[in-house]
Amino acid sequence: MVTAAPPSPDLAAEAPAPLAAAEPAEAELTIIVVSYNTRELTLACLETLYANTKDTRFHTVVYDNASSDGSAEAVAEHFPQVELIASQDNLGFAKANNVVAATARTEWLLLLNPDTEVHPGAIDALLAFAKANPGAGITGGRTVFPDGSLNIASCWMRITPWSAFCMAVGLTAAFRGSALFNPEGMGSWQRDSVREVDIVVGCLLMIRRELWEELGGFDLKYFMYGEEADLCLRAAKKGYQPMITPDAQIMHLVGASSGRVADKVVMVAKSRVSLIRDHWSPGMVPLGIGLMWLWGAVRVSAAQIIALTGKTGPREKWRSIWARRKEWLAGYAA
């Protein structure tokens, strides 16, 4: 396991001076929104956050990762009560959250994605749930798409040899509703009940600041994807059991600030390799890496076969991903 070092006392110095701040000093929760070229989505996120949170005393910090679409200026104009940090550099999701959390003074922290919309009472319910379940350490809620259909990606179970095998050979894709063949996605569970999970996704992740500091925040080698999985797995090794409540529901688009599809797949694969290296026993790591290689090989081969029917899009995408296999099989550097 790779354990992140506690945030440096100088970490806050990396953040530019906030452009605006006007929240009550007695806030008990700091809500951190890291944005990157999501101007309209970020505005909608903040609008629903303030409109639909009634009982929680909170302070909001938006860290803009050098957006070029006017995100920072729009937040400053429409939400002067928000503490805005307009960075000249893209620090990535993990480091930007660490920078903001290092300066927070509230008892609780909430990571909230900019491509979300907060449903009525969601934040209030999540904070109440976190307080009532201190053994969880990290809590999250239920996410839906704009049409109200379930978005399962609010939580996951950890990668295991069995789940990695199922994903590699296509069983997970073929039987997504099966808890046996899709253990990471927990089969057909609709996220409609309170449940212990291994991983709470960073789109809506609540944690007591004391635990965040004890864990050292995010491991900064995870530039994008996997950082919250690593955080939750490290919390579990300290005896905590993350949990989900359906009473905290938000809309989440997923991947609104991501770039090309192939690049995203490479980054996700890279993070999975890193999680295997960091959280599997040393003797099992070669198996995990081999299963990741098999995952890529199966897909590039299938794409080649599909191309015989005239559909060349998948072939080109997977050729690109396969050509970069040395990159993603190496994972993120420690």
Protein backbone atom coordinates (compact mmCIF):
# COMPACT_ATOMS: atom_id res chain seq x y z
CA MET A 1 0.00 0.00 0.00
CA VAL A 2 1.19 3.48 -0.80
CA THR A 3 0.17 5.93 1.91
CA ALA A 4 0.03 9.59 1.01
CA ALA A 5 2.02 11.93 3.18
CA PRO A 6 0.03 14.50 5.17
CA PRO A 7 -0.54 17.75 3.31
CA SER A 8 2.45 20.03 3.62
CA PRO A 9 1.97 23.21 5.67
CA ASP A 10 3.05 25.02 2.51
CA LEU A 11 0.34 23.41 0.38
CA ALA A 12 -2.06 26.29 0.88
CA ALA A 13 0.59 28.64 -0.45
CA GLU A 14 0.18 27.04 -3.88
CA ALA A 15 -3.35 28.43 -4.15
CA PRO A 16 -3.81 31.91 -5.61
CA ALA A 17 -5.57 34.37 -3.33
CA PRO A 18 -9.37 33.86 -3.28
CA LEU A 19 -11.30 36.35 -5.40
CA ALA A 20 -14.43 36.29 -3.28
CA ALA A 21 -15.52 34.96 0.10
CA ALA A 22 -18.62 35.76 2.11
CA GLU A 23 -19.75 32.70 4.05
CA PRO A 24 -20.72 32.52 7.75
CA ALA A 25 -17.76 32.01 10.08
CA GLU A 26 -19.75 29.40 12.01
CA ALA A 27 -19.97 27.01 9.05
CA GLU A 28 -19.62 23.31 9.96
CA LEU A 29 -19.06 22.07 6.42
CA THR A 30 -16.67 23.14 3.66
CA ILE A 31 -17.90 22.19 0.18
CA ILE A 32 -15.09 21.92 -2.37
CA VAL A 33 -15.88 22.20 -6.09
CA VAL A 34 -12.97 21.69 -8.50
CA SER A 35 -13.87 23.00 -11.95
CA TYR A 36 -12.23 22.79 -15.35
CA ASN A 37 -13.98 24.24 -18.41
CA THR A 38 -17.44 23.50 -17.04
CA ARG A 39 -18.78 27.06 -16.85
CA GLU A 40 -22.52 26.49 -17.27
CA LEU A 41 -22.47 23.23 -15.34
CA THR A 42 -20.63 24.82 -12.43
CA LEU A 43 -23.15 27.64 -12.28
CA ALA A 44 -26.02 25.13 -12.24
CA CYS A 45 -24.27 23.15 -9.52
CA LEU A 46 -23.90 26.21 -7.30
CA GLU A 47 -27.44 27.42 -7.99
CA THR A 48 -28.96 24.11 -6.91
CA LEU A 49 -26.58 23.81 -3.97
CA TYR A 50 -27.73 27.09 -2.48
CA ALA A 51 -31.39 26.65 -3.40
CA ASN A 52 -31.72 23.13 -2.01
CA THR A 53 -29.59 23.17 1.14
CA LYS A 54 -31.63 24.56 4.03
CA ASP A 55 -30.33 23.20 7.33
CA THR A 56 -26.56 22.99 6.89
CA ARG A 57 -24.20 25.86 7.67
CA PHE A 58 -21.66 25.56 4.87
CA HIS A 59 -18.84 27.40 3.18
CA THR A 60 -18.21 26.82 -0.52
CA VAL A 61 -14.83 26.96 -2.24
CA VAL A 62 -14.55 26.71 -6.01
CA TYR A 63 -11.05 25.89 -7.23
CA ASP A 64 -10.89 26.61 -10.95
CA ASN A 65 -8.15 24.60 -12.67
CA ALA A 66 -7.08 27.19 -15.28
CA SER A 67 -10.31 27.02 -17.28
CA SER A 68 -10.36 28.81 -20.63
CA ASP A 69 -14.15 29.12 -20.86
CA GLY A 70 -14.69 31.95 -18.38
CA SER A 71 -15.67 29.67 -15.51
CA ALA A 72 -13.87 31.67 -12.83
CA GLU A 73 -15.26 35.01 -14.01
CA ALA A 74 -18.80 33.61 -14.15
CA VAL A 75 -18.61 32.20 -10.62
CA ALA A 76 -17.29 35.52 -9.30
CA GLU A 77 -20.11 37.40 -11.01
CA HIS A 78 -23.02 35.17 -10.06
CA PHE A 79 -21.92 33.81 -6.67
CA PRO A 80 -20.01 36.44 -4.70
CA GLN A 81 -20.61 34.42 -1.52
CA VAL A 82 -18.37 31.64 -2.88
CA GLU A 83 -14.67 31.61 -2.13
CA LEU A 84 -13.15 31.44 -5.60
CA ILE A 85 -9.60 30.35 -6.32
CA ALA A 86 -8.62 30.93 -9.94
CA SER A 87 -5.50 28.88 -10.59
CA GLN A 88 -3.19 29.67 -13.49
CA ASP A 89 -2.23 25.99 -13.65
CA ASN A 90 -4.25 22.81 -13.90
CA LEU A 91 -3.33 20.95 -10.72
CA GLY A 92 -5.67 18.06 -11.40
CA PHE A 93 -8.57 16.91 -9.23
CA ALA A 94 -6.58 15.36 -6.40
CA LYS A 95 -4.12 18.18 -5.77
CA ALA A 96 -6.72 20.92 -6.10
CA ASN A 97 -8.84 19.25 -3.41
CA ASN A 98 -5.78 18.84 -1.19
CA VAL A 99 -4.92 22.53 -1.57
CA VAL A 100 -8.38 23.65 -0.51
CA ALA A 101 -8.77 21.08 2.28
CA ALA A 102 -5.44 22.19 3.77
CA THR A 103 -6.94 25.60 4.54
CA ALA A 104 -10.39 24.39 5.69
CA ARG A 105 -11.31 24.89 9.32
CA THR A 106 -14.74 23.24 9.42
CA GLU A 107 -15.41 19.90 11.07
CA TRP A 108 -16.64 18.34 7.82
CA LEU A 109 -15.54 18.37 4.18
CA LEU A 110 -17.65 17.59 1.11
CA LEU A 111 -16.21 17.02 -2.34
CA LEU A 112 -18.78 17.95 -4.99
CA ASN A 113 -18.28 17.73 -8.74
CA PRO A 114 -19.13 20.75 -10.91
CA ASP A 115 -21.18 18.58 -13.29
CA THR A 116 -23.75 17.84 -10.58
CA GLU A 117 -27.05 19.37 -9.52
CA VAL A 118 -28.04 19.08 -5.89
CA HIS A 119 -31.54 17.76 -5.23
CA PRO A 120 -33.63 19.17 -2.36
CA GLY A 121 -32.25 18.25 1.05
CA ALA A 122 -29.40 16.13 -0.31
CA ILE A 123 -26.56 17.87 1.52
CA ASP A 124 -28.58 18.18 4.72
CA ALA A 125 -29.38 14.45 4.61
CA LEU A 126 -25.80 13.46 3.88
CA LEU A 127 -24.37 15.46 6.76
CA ALA A 128 -26.98 14.04 9.16
CA PHE A 129 -26.17 10.54 7.91
CA ALA A 130 -22.43 11.07 8.34
CA LYS A 131 -22.94 12.29 11.91
CA ALA A 132 -25.15 9.30 12.71
CA ASN A 133 -22.62 6.81 11.29
CA PRO A 134 -19.15 7.83 12.53
CA GLY A 135 -17.80 4.35 11.83
CA ALA A 136 -18.32 4.91 8.11
CA GLY A 137 -15.59 7.54 7.99
CA ILE A 138 -16.54 8.39 4.39
CA THR A 139 -20.12 8.70 3.16
CA GLY A 140 -21.87 9.34 -0.11
CA GLY A 141 -25.26 9.29 -1.76
CA ARG A 142 -27.22 8.30 -4.84
CA THR A 143 -26.65 9.79 -8.28
CA VAL A 144 -29.02 9.99 -11.22
CA PHE A 145 -28.81 11.20 -14.81
CA PRO A 146 -30.73 14.30 -16.01
CA ASP A 147 -33.72 12.14 -16.96
CA GLY A 148 -33.89 10.73 -13.43
CA SER A 149 -32.56 7.29 -14.32
CA LEU A 150 -30.00 5.72 -12.02
CA ASN A 151 -26.35 6.60 -12.46
CA ILE A 152 -24.62 3.77 -10.59
CA ALA A 153 -21.31 5.62 -10.37
CA SER A 154 -21.74 7.06 -6.88
CA CYS A 155 -20.01 4.06 -5.31
CA TRP A 156 -18.19 0.83 -6.12
CA MET A 157 -16.70 -2.22 -4.52
CA ARG A 158 -12.93 -2.75 -4.66
CA ILE A 159 -11.04 -4.51 -7.46
CA THR A 160 -10.48 -8.18 -6.66
CA PRO A 161 -8.90 -10.98 -8.71
CA TRP A 162 -12.39 -12.24 -9.54
CA SER A 163 -13.73 -8.82 -10.56
CA ALA A 164 -10.62 -8.16 -12.65
CA PHE A 165 -11.06 -11.52 -14.42
CA CYS A 166 -14.75 -10.85 -15.10
CA MET A 167 -13.93 -7.45 -16.55
CA ALA A 168 -11.04 -8.79 -18.63
CA VAL A 169 -13.00 -11.52 -20.38
CA GLY A 170 -16.21 -9.52 -20.85
CA LEU A 171 -18.43 -11.16 -18.22
CA THR A 172 -18.98 -7.84 -16.49
CA ALA A 173 -20.14 -6.17 -19.70
CA ALA A 174 -22.37 -9.10 -20.61
CA PHE A 175 -24.00 -9.47 -17.18
CA ARG A 176 -24.04 -6.02 -15.60
CA GLY A 177 -27.10 -6.90 -13.54
CA SER A 178 -25.35 -9.84 -11.92
CA ALA A 179 -23.67 -9.33 -8.56
CA LEU A 180 -21.59 -12.42 -9.33
CA PHE A 181 -20.14 -11.21 -12.63
CA ASN A 182 -20.27 -7.47 -11.84
CA PRO A 183 -19.10 -7.37 -8.23
CA GLU A 184 -17.50 -3.92 -8.47
CA GLY A 185 -20.80 -2.46 -9.69
CA MET A 186 -22.80 -4.54 -7.18
CA GLY A 187 -25.01 -6.02 -9.86
CA SER A 188 -28.54 -4.67 -10.06
CA TRP A 189 -28.54 -2.78 -6.75
CA GLN A 190 -30.34 0.49 -7.41
CA ARG A 191 -28.51 2.47 -4.71
CA ASP A 192 -31.91 2.80 -3.06
CA SER A 193 -30.97 1.54 0.40
CA VAL A 194 -28.38 2.29 3.05
CA ARG A 195 -25.40 0.07 2.35
CA GLU A 196 -21.75 -0.42 3.19
CA VAL A 197 -19.50 -0.05 0.15
CA ASP A 198 -15.78 -0.06 -0.48
CA ILE A 199 -15.54 3.13 -2.51
CA VAL A 200 -17.46 6.40 -2.38
CA VAL A 201 -16.91 8.35 -5.59
CA GLY A 202 -15.53 11.88 -5.36
CA CYS A 203 -18.52 13.47 -7.10
CA LEU A 204 -20.26 13.46 -3.70
CA LEU A 205 -17.92 12.44 -0.90
CA MET A 206 -18.24 13.56 2.70
CA ILE A 207 -15.52 13.05 5.28
CA ARG A 208 -14.67 14.47 8.66
CA ARG A 209 -11.71 16.87 8.26
CA GLU A 210 -9.83 15.12 11.07
CA LEU A 211 -9.93 11.82 9.15
CA TRP A 212 -8.94 13.55 5.90
CA GLU A 213 -5.87 14.93 7.64
CA GLU A 214 -5.10 11.58 9.29
CA LEU A 215 -5.14 9.96 5.84
CA GLY A 216 -3.09 12.77 4.33
CA GLY A 217 -5.79 13.61 1.79
CA PHE A 218 -5.51 12.27 -1.73
CA ASP A 219 -2.37 10.51 -2.90
CA LEU A 220 -1.13 13.00 -5.48
CA LYS A 221 0.20 10.39 -7.87
CA TYR A 222 -3.44 9.84 -8.87
CA PHE A 223 -3.75 12.85 -11.16
CA MET A 224 -7.22 11.84 -12.30
CA TYR A 225 -9.35 8.76 -11.49
CA GLY A 226 -8.70 6.33 -8.66
CA GLU A 227 -7.85 8.90 -6.01
CA GLU A 228 -11.09 8.42 -4.07
CA ALA A 229 -10.79 4.63 -4.32
CA ASP A 230 -7.31 4.82 -2.83
CA LEU A 231 -8.54 7.19 -0.10
CA CYS A 232 -11.44 4.90 0.86
CA LEU A 233 -9.28 1.77 0.85
CA ARG A 234 -6.74 3.46 3.11
CA ALA A 235 -9.58 4.50 5.43
CA ALA A 236 -10.78 0.88 5.52
CA LYS A 237 -7.33 -0.24 6.66
CA LYS A 238 -7.81 2.05 9.64
CA GLY A 239 -11.08 0.32 10.52
CA TYR A 240 -13.62 2.53 8.75
CA GLN A 241 -16.40 1.21 6.50
CA PRO A 242 -17.67 3.72 3.90
CA MET A 243 -21.43 3.91 3.47
CA ILE A 244 -24.09 5.20 1.06
CA THR A 245 -27.49 6.72 1.82
CA PRO A 246 -30.22 7.08 -0.84
CA ASP A 247 -31.58 10.15 0.96
CA ALA A 248 -28.70 12.22 -0.44
CA GLN A 249 -29.47 12.31 -4.15
CA ILE A 250 -27.87 14.47 -6.83
CA MET A 251 -27.76 14.57 -10.60
CA HIS A 252 -24.35 13.72 -12.04
CA LEU A 253 -23.45 13.84 -15.71
CA VAL A 254 -20.09 11.99 -15.32
CA GLY A 255 -16.99 12.99 -17.22
CA ALA A 256 -18.09 16.46 -18.31
CA SER A 257 -14.55 17.80 -18.07
CA SER A 258 -12.87 14.74 -19.58
CA GLY A 259 -11.22 14.91 -22.97
CA ARG A 260 -11.01 12.30 -25.72
CA VAL A 261 -12.56 8.91 -25.01
CA ALA A 262 -9.30 7.01 -25.63
CA ASP A 263 -7.41 9.30 -23.26
CA LYS A 264 -10.02 8.74 -20.56
CA VAL A 265 -9.86 4.96 -20.97
CA VAL A 266 -6.06 5.08 -20.67
CA MET A 267 -6.26 7.16 -17.48
CA VAL A 268 -8.86 4.84 -15.93
CA ALA A 269 -6.75 1.79 -16.84
CA LYS A 270 -3.70 3.49 -15.38
CA SER A 271 -5.52 4.16 -12.13
CA ARG A 272 -6.76 0.56 -11.92
CA VAL A 273 -3.22 -0.73 -12.32
CA SER A 274 -2.08 1.64 -9.57
CA LEU A 275 -4.86 0.48 -7.23
CA ILE A 276 -3.84 -3.13 -7.84
CA ARG A 277 -0.20 -2.30 -7.08
CA ASP A 278 -1.09 -0.31 -3.97
CA HIS A 279 -3.81 -2.47 -2.43
CA TRP A 280 -3.25 -6.08 -3.49
CA SER A 281 -0.76 -8.33 -1.73
CA PRO A 282 2.62 -8.28 -3.50
CA GLY A 283 2.28 -11.87 -4.62
CA MET A 284 -1.02 -11.18 -6.39
CA VAL A 285 0.07 -8.02 -8.22
CA PRO A 286 1.53 -9.86 -11.27
CA LEU A 287 -1.83 -11.62 -11.69
CA GLY A 288 -3.62 -8.30 -11.58
CA ILE A 289 -1.31 -6.74 -14.15
CA GLY A 290 -1.73 -9.79 -16.36
CA LEU A 291 -5.51 -9.47 -16.17
CA MET A 292 -5.28 -5.82 -17.17
CA TRP A 293 -3.16 -6.84 -20.18
CA LEU A 294 -5.81 -9.45 -21.04
CA TRP A 295 -8.54 -6.80 -20.72
CA GLY A 296 -6.83 -4.68 -23.37
CA ALA A 297 -5.97 -7.62 -25.63
CA VAL A 298 -9.53 -8.94 -25.64
CA ARG A 299 -10.95 -5.57 -26.60
CA VAL A 300 -8.50 -4.72 -29.36
CA SER A 301 -9.07 -8.19 -30.83
CA ALA A 302 -12.85 -7.81 -30.64
CA ALA A 303 -12.62 -4.38 -32.26
CA GLN A 304 -10.63 -5.90 -35.13
CA ILE A 305 -13.37 -8.47 -35.69
CA ILE A 306 -16.11 -5.85 -35.53
CA ALA A 307 -14.21 -3.84 -38.15
CA LEU A 308 -14.89 -6.66 -40.62
CA THR A 309 -18.53 -5.55 -40.59
CA GLY A 310 -17.51 -2.04 -41.63
CA LYS A 311 -17.59 -0.42 -38.20
CA THR A 312 -14.05 0.91 -37.88
CA GLY A 313 -14.58 3.35 -34.99
CA PRO A 314 -14.02 0.83 -32.19
CA ARG A 315 -10.97 -0.57 -33.97
CA GLU A 316 -9.28 2.82 -34.16
CA LYS A 317 -10.09 3.64 -30.55
CA TRP A 318 -8.78 0.35 -29.20
CA ARG A 319 -5.75 0.37 -31.47
CA SER A 320 -4.85 3.71 -29.92
CA ILE A 321 -5.39 2.39 -26.39
CA TRP A 322 -3.48 -0.82 -27.07
CA ALA A 323 -0.57 1.09 -28.58
CA ARG A 324 -0.24 2.87 -25.22
CA ARG A 325 -0.34 -0.31 -23.13
CA LYS A 326 3.15 0.18 -21.70
CA GLU A 327 1.93 3.51 -20.32
CA TRP A 328 -1.17 2.23 -18.59
CA LEU A 329 0.32 -1.08 -17.48
CA ALA A 330 2.96 0.92 -15.61
CA GLY A 331 0.33 2.75 -13.59
CA TYR A 332 1.03 6.05 -11.91
CA ALA A 333 4.54 6.57 -10.60
CA ALA A 334 4.89 6.53 -6.83
